[in-house]
């Protein structure tokens, strides 16, 4: 994880949106990437995707910087990071492949 990238997002003054998506390609991925490109001029875009097992990857859209969190244990840390970078919306597209604790993220953040 690059702390500098996340600090830069936090200091940008722009709101952020986090897309929660599955790890497959296809139509959902194309749709989410299209949405990200459309809004990237106005907001910071992040993706929350499955990694391995109960681990999720938080990816910054434009830089590709990644951070990993194992849920449910790291849920408070992930929620704090999302708040600190100004995430104003969690845009849930798909939960296949993600740990069940991802459903608790909105309340935690």
PDB file of N, CA and C in Angstrom:
ATOM      1  N   UNK A   1       0.854  -1.176   0.000  1.00  0.00           N
ATOM      2  CA  UNK A   1       0.000   0.000   0.000  1.00  0.00           C
ATOM      3  C   UNK A   1       0.893   1.230   0.000  1.00  0.00           C
ATOM      4  N   UNK A   2       0.528   2.195  -0.789  1.00  0.00           N
ATOM      5  CA  UNK A   2       1.259   3.450  -0.815  1.00  0.00           C
ATOM      6  C   UNK A   2       0.508   4.485   0.016  1.00  0.00           C
ATOM      7  N   UNK A   3       1.018   4.750   1.194  1.00  0.00           N
ATOM      8  CA  UNK A   3       0.385   5.728   2.080  1.00  0.00           C
ATOM      9  C   UNK A   3       0.346   7.098   1.420  1.00  0.00           C
ATOM     10  N   UNK A   4       1.360   7.427   0.607  1.00  0.00           N
ATOM     11  CA  UNK A   4       1.387   8.729  -0.072  1.00  0.00           C
ATOM     12  C   UNK A   4       0.178   8.911  -0.987  1.00  0.00           C
ATOM     13  N   UNK A   5      -0.188   7.858  -1.715  1.00  0.00           N
ATOM     14  CA  UNK A   5      -1.328   7.949  -2.623  1.00  0.00           C
ATOM     15  C   UNK A   5      -2.604   8.215  -1.850  1.00  0.00           C
ATOM     16  N   UNK A   6      -2.811   7.493  -0.750  1.00  0.00           N
ATOM     17  CA  UNK A   6      -4.029   7.684   0.026  1.00  0.00           C
ATOM     18  C   UNK A   6      -4.040   9.037   0.724  1.00  0.00           C
ATOM     19  N   UNK A   7      -2.882   9.515   1.161  1.00  0.00           N
ATOM     20  CA  UNK A   7      -2.811  10.859   1.746  1.00  0.00           C
ATOM     21  C   UNK A   7      -3.109  11.916   0.685  1.00  0.00           C
ATOM     22  N   UNK A   8      -2.642  11.683  -0.523  1.00  0.00           N
ATOM     23  CA  UNK A   8      -2.912  12.604  -1.620  1.00  0.00           C
ATOM     24  C   UNK A   8      -4.408  12.672  -1.919  1.00  0.00           C
ATOM     25  N   UNK A   9      -5.070  11.524  -1.916  1.00  0.00           N
ATOM     26  CA  UNK A   9      -6.518  11.515  -2.126  1.00  0.00           C
ATOM     27  C   UNK A   9      -7.221  12.274  -1.011  1.00  0.00           C
ATOM     28  N   UNK A  10      -6.790  12.040   0.222  1.00  0.00           N
ATOM     29  CA  UNK A  10      -7.413  12.702   1.371  1.00  0.00           C
ATOM     30  C   UNK A  10      -7.249  14.219   1.283  1.00  0.00           C
ATOM     31  N   UNK A  11      -6.116  14.667   0.783  1.00  0.00           N
ATOM     32  CA  UNK A  11      -5.843  16.094   0.698  1.00  0.00           C
ATOM     33  C   UNK A  11      -6.335  16.756  -0.572  1.00  0.00           C
ATOM     34  N   UNK A  12      -6.944  15.997  -1.466  1.00  0.00           N
ATOM     35  CA  UNK A  12      -7.350  16.551  -2.762  1.00  0.00           C
ATOM     36  C   UNK A  12      -8.568  17.461  -2.659  1.00  0.00           C
ATOM     37  N   UNK A  13      -9.358  17.298  -1.610  1.00  0.00           N
ATOM     38  CA  UNK A  13     -10.574  18.088  -1.472  1.00  0.00           C
ATOM     39  C   UNK A  13     -11.712  17.603  -2.347  1.00  0.00           C
ATOM     40  N   UNK A  14     -11.481  16.565  -3.121  1.00  0.00           N
ATOM     41  CA  UNK A  14     -12.522  15.993  -3.979  1.00  0.00           C
ATOM     42  C   UNK A  14     -13.217  14.852  -3.254  1.00  0.00           C
ATOM     43  N   UNK A  15     -14.511  14.669  -3.462  1.00  0.00           N
ATOM     44  CA  UNK A  15     -15.169  13.492  -2.893  1.00  0.00           C
ATOM     45  C   UNK A  15     -14.654  12.240  -3.593  1.00  0.00           C
ATOM     46  N   UNK A  16     -14.949  11.108  -3.018  1.00  0.00           N
ATOM     47  CA  UNK A  16     -14.541   9.840  -3.620  1.00  0.00           C
ATOM     48  C   UNK A  16     -15.729   8.891  -3.666  1.00  0.00           C
ATOM     49  N   UNK A  17     -15.704   8.023  -4.650  1.00  0.00           N
ATOM     50  CA  UNK A  17     -16.699   6.971  -4.805  1.00  0.00           C
ATOM     51  C   UNK A  17     -15.953   5.655  -4.853  1.00  0.00           C
ATOM     52  N   UNK A  18     -16.455   4.662  -4.106  1.00  0.00           N
ATOM     53  CA  UNK A  18     -15.869   3.327  -4.131  1.00  0.00           C
ATOM     54  C   UNK A  18     -16.867   2.368  -4.767  1.00  0.00           C
ATOM     55  N   UNK A  19     -16.456   1.734  -5.844  1.00  0.00           N
ATOM     56  CA  UNK A  19     -17.263   0.731  -6.516  1.00  0.00           C
ATOM     57  C   UNK A  19     -16.935  -0.633  -5.917  1.00  0.00           C
ATOM     58  N   UNK A  20     -17.947  -1.363  -5.494  1.00  0.00           N
ATOM     59  CA  UNK A  20     -17.767  -2.725  -4.984  1.00  0.00           C
ATOM     60  C   UNK A  20     -18.165  -3.668  -6.105  1.00  0.00           C
ATOM     61  N   UNK A  21     -17.201  -4.468  -6.559  1.00  0.00           N
ATOM     62  CA  UNK A  21     -17.423  -5.293  -7.750  1.00  0.00           C
ATOM     63  C   UNK A  21     -16.883  -6.703  -7.557  1.00  0.00           C
ATOM     64  N   UNK A  22     -17.340  -7.603  -8.423  1.00  0.00           N
ATOM     65  CA  UNK A  22     -16.780  -8.954  -8.436  1.00  0.00           C
ATOM     66  C   UNK A  22     -15.450  -8.942  -9.176  1.00  0.00           C
ATOM     67  N   UNK A  23     -14.754 -10.053  -9.164  1.00  0.00           N
ATOM     68  CA  UNK A  23     -13.436 -10.115  -9.779  1.00  0.00           C
ATOM     69  C   UNK A  23     -13.425 -10.612 -11.208  1.00  0.00           C
ATOM     70  N   UNK A  24     -14.562 -10.827 -11.783  1.00  0.00           N
ATOM     71  CA  UNK A  24     -14.631 -11.314 -13.157  1.00  0.00           C
ATOM     72  C   UNK A  24     -14.604 -10.141 -14.126  1.00  0.00           C
ATOM     73  N   UNK A  25     -14.396 -10.436 -15.352  1.00  0.00           N
ATOM     74  CA  UNK A  25     -14.498  -9.417 -16.394  1.00  0.00           C
ATOM     75  C   UNK A  25     -15.936  -9.311 -16.852  1.00  0.00           C
ATOM     76  N   UNK A  26     -16.123  -9.067 -18.119  1.00  0.00           N
ATOM     77  CA  UNK A  26     -17.467  -9.072 -18.679  1.00  0.00           C
ATOM     78  C   UNK A  26     -18.194  -7.753 -18.575  1.00  0.00           C
ATOM     79  N   UNK A  27     -19.533  -7.836 -18.697  1.00  0.00           N
ATOM     80  CA  UNK A  27     -20.368  -6.654 -18.790  1.00  0.00           C
ATOM     81  C   UNK A  27     -20.347  -5.769 -17.561  1.00  0.00           C
ATOM     82  N   UNK A  28     -20.369  -6.378 -16.366  1.00  0.00           N
ATOM     83  CA  UNK A  28     -20.333  -5.562 -15.146  1.00  0.00           C
ATOM     84  C   UNK A  28     -19.022  -4.786 -15.087  1.00  0.00           C
ATOM     85  N   UNK A  29     -17.923  -5.433 -15.385  1.00  0.00           N
ATOM     86  CA  UNK A  29     -16.618  -4.758 -15.342  1.00  0.00           C
ATOM     87  C   UNK A  29     -16.566  -3.620 -16.353  1.00  0.00           C
ATOM     88  N   UNK A  30     -17.030  -3.858 -17.559  1.00  0.00           N
ATOM     89  CA  UNK A  30     -17.040  -2.796 -18.573  1.00  0.00           C
ATOM     90  C   UNK A  30     -17.914  -1.635 -18.125  1.00  0.00           C
ATOM     91  N   UNK A  31     -19.084  -1.950 -17.584  1.00  0.00           N
ATOM     92  CA  UNK A  31     -19.999  -0.914 -17.105  1.00  0.00           C
ATOM     93  C   UNK A  31     -19.347  -0.065 -16.015  1.00  0.00           C
ATOM     94  N   UNK A  32     -18.717  -0.713 -15.048  1.00  0.00           N
ATOM     95  CA  UNK A  32     -18.097   0.008 -13.933  1.00  0.00           C
ATOM     96  C   UNK A  32     -16.911   0.838 -14.425  1.00  0.00           C
ATOM     97  N   UNK A  33     -16.124   0.299 -15.314  1.00  0.00           N
ATOM     98  CA  UNK A  33     -14.995   1.058 -15.865  1.00  0.00           C
ATOM     99  C   UNK A  33     -15.499   2.273 -16.647  1.00  0.00           C
ATOM    100  N   UNK A  34     -16.589   2.111 -17.400  1.00  0.00           N
ATOM    101  CA  UNK A  34     -17.178   3.242 -18.114  1.00  0.00           C
ATOM    102  C   UNK A  34     -17.647   4.314 -17.135  1.00  0.00           C
ATOM    103  N   UNK A  35     -18.345   3.896 -16.080  1.00  0.00           N
ATOM    104  CA  UNK A  35     -18.782   4.855 -15.063  1.00  0.00           C
ATOM    105  C   UNK A  35     -17.598   5.576 -14.437  1.00  0.00           C
ATOM    106  N   UNK A  36     -16.554   4.826 -14.124  1.00  0.00           N
ATOM    107  CA  UNK A  36     -15.364   5.419 -13.504  1.00  0.00           C
ATOM    108  C   UNK A  36     -14.759   6.485 -14.406  1.00  0.00           C
ATOM    109  N   UNK A  37     -14.650   6.196 -15.696  1.00  0.00           N
ATOM    110  CA  UNK A  37     -14.103   7.179 -16.633  1.00  0.00           C
ATOM    111  C   UNK A  37     -14.992   8.423 -16.715  1.00  0.00           C
ATOM    112  N   UNK A  38     -16.304   8.229 -16.662  1.00  0.00           N
ATOM    113  CA  UNK A  38     -17.230   9.358 -16.750  1.00  0.00           C
ATOM    114  C   UNK A  38     -17.129  10.310 -15.559  1.00  0.00           C
ATOM    115  N   UNK A  39     -16.876   9.773 -14.373  1.00  0.00           N
ATOM    116  CA  UNK A  39     -16.888  10.617 -13.177  1.00  0.00           C
ATOM    117  C   UNK A  39     -15.500  10.991 -12.677  1.00  0.00           C
ATOM    118  N   UNK A  40     -14.457  10.408 -13.259  1.00  0.00           N
ATOM    119  CA  UNK A  40     -13.093  10.600 -12.753  1.00  0.00           C
ATOM    120  C   UNK A  40     -12.638  12.058 -12.766  1.00  0.00           C
ATOM    121  N   UNK A  41     -13.232  12.895 -13.583  1.00  0.00           N
ATOM    122  CA  UNK A  41     -12.859  14.305 -13.592  1.00  0.00           C
ATOM    123  C   UNK A  41     -13.381  15.073 -12.389  1.00  0.00           C
ATOM    124  N   UNK A  42     -14.390  14.507 -11.734  1.00  0.00           N
ATOM    125  CA  UNK A  42     -15.032  15.192 -10.619  1.00  0.00           C
ATOM    126  C   UNK A  42     -14.786  14.556  -9.259  1.00  0.00           C
ATOM    127  N   UNK A  43     -14.508  13.260  -9.242  1.00  0.00           N
ATOM    128  CA  UNK A  43     -14.330  12.538  -7.978  1.00  0.00           C
ATOM    129  C   UNK A  43     -13.142  11.588  -8.084  1.00  0.00           C
ATOM    130  N   UNK A  44     -12.620  11.211  -6.935  1.00  0.00           N
ATOM    131  CA  UNK A  44     -11.618  10.149  -6.884  1.00  0.00           C
ATOM    132  C   UNK A  44     -12.367   8.822  -6.903  1.00  0.00           C
ATOM    133  N   UNK A  45     -11.900   7.896  -7.722  1.00  0.00           N
ATOM    134  CA  UNK A  45     -12.585   6.617  -7.900  1.00  0.00           C
ATOM    135  C   UNK A  45     -11.723   5.498  -7.328  1.00  0.00           C
ATOM    136  N   UNK A  46     -12.375   4.666  -6.518  1.00  0.00           N
ATOM    137  CA  UNK A  46     -11.724   3.488  -5.948  1.00  0.00           C
ATOM    138  C   UNK A  46     -12.557   2.257  -6.269  1.00  0.00           C
ATOM    139  N   UNK A  47     -11.918   1.104  -6.286  1.00  0.00           N
ATOM    140  CA  UNK A  47     -12.609  -0.165  -6.471  1.00  0.00           C
ATOM    141  C   UNK A  47     -12.321  -1.052  -5.277  1.00  0.00           C
ATOM    142  N   UNK A  48     -13.341  -1.750  -4.815  1.00  0.00           N
ATOM    143  CA  UNK A  48     -13.171  -2.795  -3.810  1.00  0.00           C
ATOM    144  C   UNK A  48     -13.523  -4.093  -4.510  1.00  0.00           C
ATOM    145  N   UNK A  49     -12.519  -4.988  -4.585  1.00  0.00           N
ATOM    146  CA  UNK A  49     -12.639  -6.209  -5.376  1.00  0.00           C
ATOM    147  C   UNK A  49     -12.183  -7.392  -4.536  1.00  0.00           C
ATOM    148  N   UNK A  50     -12.623  -8.605  -4.900  1.00  0.00           N
ATOM    149  CA  UNK A  50     -12.125  -9.770  -4.183  1.00  0.00           C
ATOM    150  C   UNK A  50     -10.647  -9.993  -4.490  1.00  0.00           C
ATOM    151  N   UNK A  51      -9.931 -10.457  -3.491  1.00  0.00           N
ATOM    152  CA  UNK A  51      -8.541 -10.904  -3.685  1.00  0.00           C
ATOM    153  C   UNK A  51      -8.577 -12.418  -3.470  1.00  0.00           C
ATOM    154  N   UNK A  52      -8.032 -12.913  -2.376  1.00  0.00           N
ATOM    155  CA  UNK A  52      -8.044 -14.348  -2.099  1.00  0.00           C
ATOM    156  C   UNK A  52      -8.748 -14.608  -0.772  1.00  0.00           C
ATOM    157  N   UNK A  53      -9.601 -15.615  -0.743  1.00  0.00           N
ATOM    158  CA  UNK A  53     -10.276 -15.974   0.495  1.00  0.00           C
ATOM    159  C   UNK A  53     -11.121 -14.825   1.021  1.00  0.00           C
ATOM    160  N   UNK A  54     -10.874 -14.424   2.251  1.00  0.00           N
ATOM    161  CA  UNK A  54     -11.618 -13.326   2.880  1.00  0.00           C
ATOM    162  C   UNK A  54     -10.910 -11.985   2.724  1.00  0.00           C
ATOM    163  N   UNK A  55     -10.002 -11.894   1.779  1.00  0.00           N
ATOM    164  CA  UNK A  55      -9.244 -10.659   1.552  1.00  0.00           C
ATOM    165  C   UNK A  55      -9.849  -9.887   0.386  1.00  0.00           C
ATOM    166  N   UNK A  56      -9.948  -8.564   0.573  1.00  0.00           N
ATOM    167  CA  UNK A  56     -10.407  -7.680  -0.503  1.00  0.00           C
ATOM    168  C   UNK A  56      -9.277  -6.727  -0.867  1.00  0.00           C
ATOM    169  N   UNK A  57      -9.321  -6.276  -2.106  1.00  0.00           N
ATOM    170  CA  UNK A  57      -8.330  -5.334  -2.616  1.00  0.00           C
ATOM    171  C   UNK A  57      -9.026  -3.990  -2.800  1.00  0.00           C
ATOM    172  N   UNK A  58      -8.430  -2.946  -2.254  1.00  0.00           N
ATOM    173  CA  UNK A  58      -8.873  -1.577  -2.505  1.00  0.00           C
ATOM    174  C   UNK A  58      -7.916  -1.016  -3.537  1.00  0.00           C
ATOM    175  N   UNK A  59      -8.460  -0.634  -4.702  1.00  0.00           N
ATOM    176  CA  UNK A  59      -7.615  -0.170  -5.802  1.00  0.00           C
ATOM    177  C   UNK A  59      -8.012   1.245  -6.186  1.00  0.00           C
ATOM    178  N   UNK A  60      -7.013   2.104  -6.313  1.00  0.00           N
ATOM    179  CA  UNK A  60      -7.238   3.471  -6.771  1.00  0.00           C
ATOM    180  C   UNK A  60      -7.276   3.425  -8.294  1.00  0.00           C
ATOM    181  N   UNK A  61      -8.361   3.910  -8.864  1.00  0.00           N
ATOM    182  CA  UNK A  61      -8.605   3.773 -10.302  1.00  0.00           C
ATOM    183  C   UNK A  61      -7.480   4.339 -11.154  1.00  0.00           C
ATOM    184  N   UNK A  62      -7.125   5.583 -10.965  1.00  0.00           N
ATOM    185  CA  UNK A  62      -6.179   6.217 -11.890  1.00  0.00           C
ATOM    186  C   UNK A  62      -4.736   5.771 -11.689  1.00  0.00           C
ATOM    187  N   UNK A  63      -4.350   5.484 -10.454  1.00  0.00           N
ATOM    188  CA  UNK A  63      -2.953   5.122 -10.208  1.00  0.00           C
ATOM    189  C   UNK A  63      -2.729   3.614 -10.148  1.00  0.00           C
ATOM    190  N   UNK A  64      -3.792   2.858  -9.890  1.00  0.00           N
ATOM    191  CA  UNK A  64      -3.643   1.415  -9.759  1.00  0.00           C
ATOM    192  C   UNK A  64      -3.065   0.989  -8.420  1.00  0.00           C
ATOM    193  N   UNK A  65      -2.803   1.931  -7.515  1.00  0.00           N
ATOM    194  CA  UNK A  65      -2.274   1.595  -6.193  1.00  0.00           C
ATOM    195  C   UNK A  65      -3.276   0.698  -5.483  1.00  0.00           C
ATOM    196  N   UNK A  66      -2.758  -0.312  -4.789  1.00  0.00           N
ATOM    197  CA  UNK A  66      -3.607  -1.289  -4.130  1.00  0.00           C
ATOM    198  C   UNK A  66      -3.277  -1.400  -2.647  1.00  0.00           C
ATOM    199  N   UNK A  67      -4.320  -1.713  -1.877  1.00  0.00           N
ATOM    200  CA  UNK A  67      -4.168  -2.052  -0.464  1.00  0.00           C
ATOM    201  C   UNK A  67      -5.073  -3.251  -0.215  1.00  0.00           C
ATOM    202  N   UNK A  68      -4.674  -4.115   0.703  1.00  0.00           N
ATOM    203  CA  UNK A  68      -5.410  -5.346   0.959  1.00  0.00           C
ATOM    204  C   UNK A  68      -5.903  -5.381   2.398  1.00  0.00           C
ATOM    205  N   UNK A  69      -7.127  -5.924   2.576  1.00  0.00           N
ATOM    206  CA  UNK A  69      -7.759  -5.997   3.878  1.00  0.00           C
ATOM    207  C   UNK A  69      -8.435  -7.355   4.012  1.00  0.00           C
ATOM    208  N   UNK A  70      -8.198  -8.029   5.140  1.00  0.00           N
ATOM    209  CA  UNK A  70      -8.853  -9.298   5.410  1.00  0.00           C
ATOM    210  C   UNK A  70     -10.059  -9.035   6.299  1.00  0.00           C
ATOM    211  N   UNK A  71     -11.222  -9.454   5.818  1.00  0.00           N
ATOM    212  CA  UNK A  71     -12.469  -9.197   6.522  1.00  0.00           C
ATOM    213  C   UNK A  71     -12.939 -10.454   7.250  1.00  0.00           C
ATOM    214  N   UNK A  72     -13.573 -10.323   8.376  1.00  0.00           N
ATOM    215  CA  UNK A  72     -14.079  -9.094   8.962  1.00  0.00           C
ATOM    216  C   UNK A  72     -13.081  -8.340   9.840  1.00  0.00           C
ATOM    217  N   UNK A  73     -11.935  -8.931  10.147  1.00  0.00           N
ATOM    218  CA  UNK A  73     -10.996  -8.320  11.086  1.00  0.00           C
ATOM    219  C   UNK A  73     -10.539  -6.925  10.716  1.00  0.00           C
ATOM    220  N   UNK A  74     -10.273  -6.689   9.438  1.00  0.00           N
ATOM    221  CA  UNK A  74      -9.782  -5.383   8.980  1.00  0.00           C
ATOM    222  C   UNK A  74     -10.899  -4.422   8.581  1.00  0.00           C
ATOM    223  N   UNK A  75     -12.155  -4.807   8.812  1.00  0.00           N
ATOM    224  CA  UNK A  75     -13.264  -3.942   8.415  1.00  0.00           C
ATOM    225  C   UNK A  75     -13.165  -2.538   9.015  1.00  0.00           C
ATOM    226  N   UNK A  76     -12.842  -2.392  10.300  1.00  0.00           N
ATOM    227  CA  UNK A  76     -12.718  -1.029  10.847  1.00  0.00           C
ATOM    228  C   UNK A  76     -11.596  -0.225  10.186  1.00  0.00           C
ATOM    229  N   UNK A  77     -10.506  -0.885   9.834  1.00  0.00           N
ATOM    230  CA  UNK A  77      -9.381  -0.205   9.186  1.00  0.00           C
ATOM    231  C   UNK A  77      -9.777   0.247   7.783  1.00  0.00           C
ATOM    232  N   UNK A  78     -10.432  -0.633   7.045  1.00  0.00           N
ATOM    233  CA  UNK A  78     -10.896  -0.283   5.702  1.00  0.00           C
ATOM    234  C   UNK A  78     -11.905   0.861   5.773  1.00  0.00           C
ATOM    235  N   UNK A  79     -12.857   0.774   6.693  1.00  0.00           N
ATOM    236  CA  UNK A  79     -13.863   1.837   6.838  1.00  0.00           C
ATOM    237  C   UNK A  79     -13.205   3.163   7.177  1.00  0.00           C
ATOM    238  N   UNK A  80     -12.221   3.149   8.061  1.00  0.00           N
ATOM    239  CA  UNK A  80     -11.517   4.384   8.426  1.00  0.00           C
ATOM    240  C   UNK A  80     -10.786   4.972   7.215  1.00  0.00           C
ATOM    241  N   UNK A  81     -10.131   4.119   6.434  1.00  0.00           N
ATOM    242  CA  UNK A  81      -9.421   4.605   5.248  1.00  0.00           C
ATOM    243  C   UNK A  81     -10.405   5.224   4.251  1.00  0.00           C
ATOM    244  N   UNK A  82     -11.538   4.576   4.045  1.00  0.00           N
ATOM    245  CA  UNK A  82     -12.531   5.129   3.121  1.00  0.00           C
ATOM    246  C   UNK A  82     -13.023   6.488   3.588  1.00  0.00           C
ATOM    247  N   UNK A  83     -13.289   6.619   4.881  1.00  0.00           N
ATOM    248  CA  UNK A  83     -13.705   7.919   5.417  1.00  0.00           C
ATOM    249  C   UNK A  83     -12.603   8.949   5.246  1.00  0.00           C
ATOM    250  N   UNK A  84     -11.354   8.553   5.497  1.00  0.00           N
ATOM    251  CA  UNK A  84     -10.244   9.515   5.463  1.00  0.00           C
ATOM    252  C   UNK A  84      -9.960  10.035   4.059  1.00  0.00           C
ATOM    253  N   UNK A  85     -10.275   9.251   3.017  1.00  0.00           N
ATOM    254  CA  UNK A  85     -10.048   9.716   1.644  1.00  0.00           C
ATOM    255  C   UNK A  85     -11.292  10.369   1.057  1.00  0.00           C
ATOM    256  N   UNK A  86     -12.333  10.520   1.873  1.00  0.00           N
ATOM    257  CA  UNK A  86     -13.510  11.261   1.438  1.00  0.00           C
ATOM    258  C   UNK A  86     -14.551  10.477   0.673  1.00  0.00           C
ATOM    259  N   UNK A  87     -14.597   9.158   0.869  1.00  0.00           N
ATOM    260  CA  UNK A  87     -15.616   8.372   0.171  1.00  0.00           C
ATOM    261  C   UNK A  87     -16.991   8.822   0.640  1.00  0.00           C
ATOM    262  N   UNK A  88     -17.782   9.305  -0.317  1.00  0.00           N
ATOM    263  CA  UNK A  88     -19.137   9.760  -0.011  1.00  0.00           C
ATOM    264  C   UNK A  88     -20.186   8.757  -0.475  1.00  0.00           C
ATOM    265  N   UNK A  89     -19.779   7.831  -1.336  1.00  0.00           N
ATOM    266  CA  UNK A  89     -20.699   6.816  -1.850  1.00  0.00           C
ATOM    267  C   UNK A  89     -19.981   5.484  -1.998  1.00  0.00           C
ATOM    268  N   UNK A  90     -20.674   4.427  -1.589  1.00  0.00           N
ATOM    269  CA  UNK A  90     -20.271   3.061  -1.916  1.00  0.00           C
ATOM    270  C   UNK A  90     -21.255   2.591  -2.980  1.00  0.00           C
ATOM    271  N   UNK A  91     -20.762   2.290  -4.148  1.00  0.00           N
ATOM    272  CA  UNK A  91     -21.614   1.895  -5.267  1.00  0.00           C
ATOM    273  C   UNK A  91     -21.482   0.384  -5.424  1.00  0.00           C
ATOM    274  N   UNK A  92     -22.446  -0.340  -4.900  1.00  0.00           N
ATOM    275  CA  UNK A  92     -22.406  -1.801  -4.877  1.00  0.00           C
ATOM    276  C   UNK A  92     -22.935  -2.356  -6.193  1.00  0.00           C
ATOM    277  N   UNK A  93     -22.069  -3.099  -6.883  1.00  0.00           N
ATOM    278  CA  UNK A  93     -22.469  -3.714  -8.142  1.00  0.00           C
ATOM    279  C   UNK A  93     -22.650  -5.206  -8.017  1.00  0.00           C
ATOM    280  N   UNK A  94     -21.783  -5.845  -7.273  1.00  0.00           N
ATOM    281  CA  UNK A  94     -21.812  -7.296  -7.201  1.00  0.00           C
ATOM    282  C   UNK A  94     -21.011  -7.740  -5.996  1.00  0.00           C
ATOM    283  N   UNK A  95     -21.478  -8.792  -5.310  1.00  0.00           N
ATOM    284  CA  UNK A  95     -20.749  -9.280  -4.138  1.00  0.00           C
ATOM    285  C   UNK A  95     -20.194 -10.687  -4.327  1.00  0.00           C
ATOM    286  N   UNK A  96     -20.389 -11.284  -5.511  1.00  0.00           N
ATOM    287  CA  UNK A  96     -19.828 -12.623  -5.738  1.00  0.00           C
ATOM    288  C   UNK A  96     -18.317 -12.601  -5.560  1.00  0.00           C
ATOM    289  N   UNK A  97     -17.831 -13.550  -4.785  1.00  0.00           N
ATOM    290  CA  UNK A  97     -16.396 -13.659  -4.552  1.00  0.00           C
ATOM    291  C   UNK A  97     -15.893 -12.814  -3.404  1.00  0.00           C
ATOM    292  N   UNK A  98     -16.735 -11.938  -2.878  1.00  0.00           N
ATOM    293  CA  UNK A  98     -16.337 -11.085  -1.752  1.00  0.00           C
ATOM    294  C   UNK A  98     -16.776 -11.735  -0.444  1.00  0.00           C
ATOM    295  N   UNK A  99     -16.030 -11.505   0.645  1.00  0.00           N
ATOM    296  CA  UNK A  99     -16.457 -12.055   1.934  1.00  0.00           C
ATOM    297  C   UNK A  99     -17.777 -11.452   2.368  1.00  0.00           C
ATOM    298  N   UNK A 100     -18.563 -12.226   3.100  1.00  0.00           N
ATOM    299  CA  UNK A 100     -19.887 -11.764   3.547  1.00  0.00           C
ATOM    300  C   UNK A 100     -19.809 -10.461   4.335  1.00  0.00           C
ATOM    301  N   UNK A 101     -18.706 -10.243   5.027  1.00  0.00           N
ATOM    302  CA  UNK A 101     -18.547  -9.019   5.836  1.00  0.00           C
ATOM    303  C   UNK A 101     -18.557  -7.751   5.003  1.00  0.00           C
ATOM    304  N   UNK A 102     -18.421  -7.861   3.679  1.00  0.00           N
ATOM    305  CA  UNK A 102     -18.472  -6.664   2.830  1.00  0.00           C
ATOM    306  C   UNK A 102     -19.828  -5.996   2.958  1.00  0.00           C
ATOM    307  N   UNK A 103     -20.848  -6.759   3.310  1.00  0.00           N
ATOM    308  CA  UNK A 103     -22.191  -6.200   3.470  1.00  0.00           C
ATOM    309  C   UNK A 103     -22.287  -5.291   4.694  1.00  0.00           C
ATOM    310  N   UNK A 104     -21.316  -5.383   5.597  1.00  0.00           N
ATOM    311  CA  UNK A 104     -21.282  -4.526   6.792  1.00  0.00           C
ATOM    312  C   UNK A 104     -20.492  -3.230   6.574  1.00  0.00           C
ATOM    313  N   UNK A 105     -19.888  -3.094   5.392  1.00  0.00           N
ATOM    314  CA  UNK A 105     -19.002  -1.967   5.151  1.00  0.00           C
ATOM    315  C   UNK A 105     -19.731  -0.625   5.178  1.00  0.00           C
ATOM    316  N   UNK A 106     -20.902  -0.545   4.592  1.00  0.00           N
ATOM    317  CA  UNK A 106     -21.626   0.735   4.555  1.00  0.00           C
ATOM    318  C   UNK A 106     -21.901   1.238   5.965  1.00  0.00           C
ATOM    319  N   UNK A 107     -22.348   0.377   6.834  1.00  0.00           N
ATOM    320  CA  UNK A 107     -22.623   0.788   8.217  1.00  0.00           C
ATOM    321  C   UNK A 107     -21.336   1.161   8.945  1.00  0.00           C
ATOM    322  N   UNK A 108     -20.252   0.464   8.667  1.00  0.00           N
ATOM    323  CA  UNK A 108     -18.979   0.732   9.335  1.00  0.00           C
ATOM    324  C   UNK A 108     -18.348   2.041   8.864  1.00  0.00           C
ATOM    325  N   UNK A 109     -18.559   2.349   7.584  1.00  0.00           N
ATOM    326  CA  UNK A 109     -17.934   3.544   7.005  1.00  0.00           C
ATOM    327  C   UNK A 109     -18.797   4.761   7.229  1.00  0.00           C
TER     328      UNK A 109
END
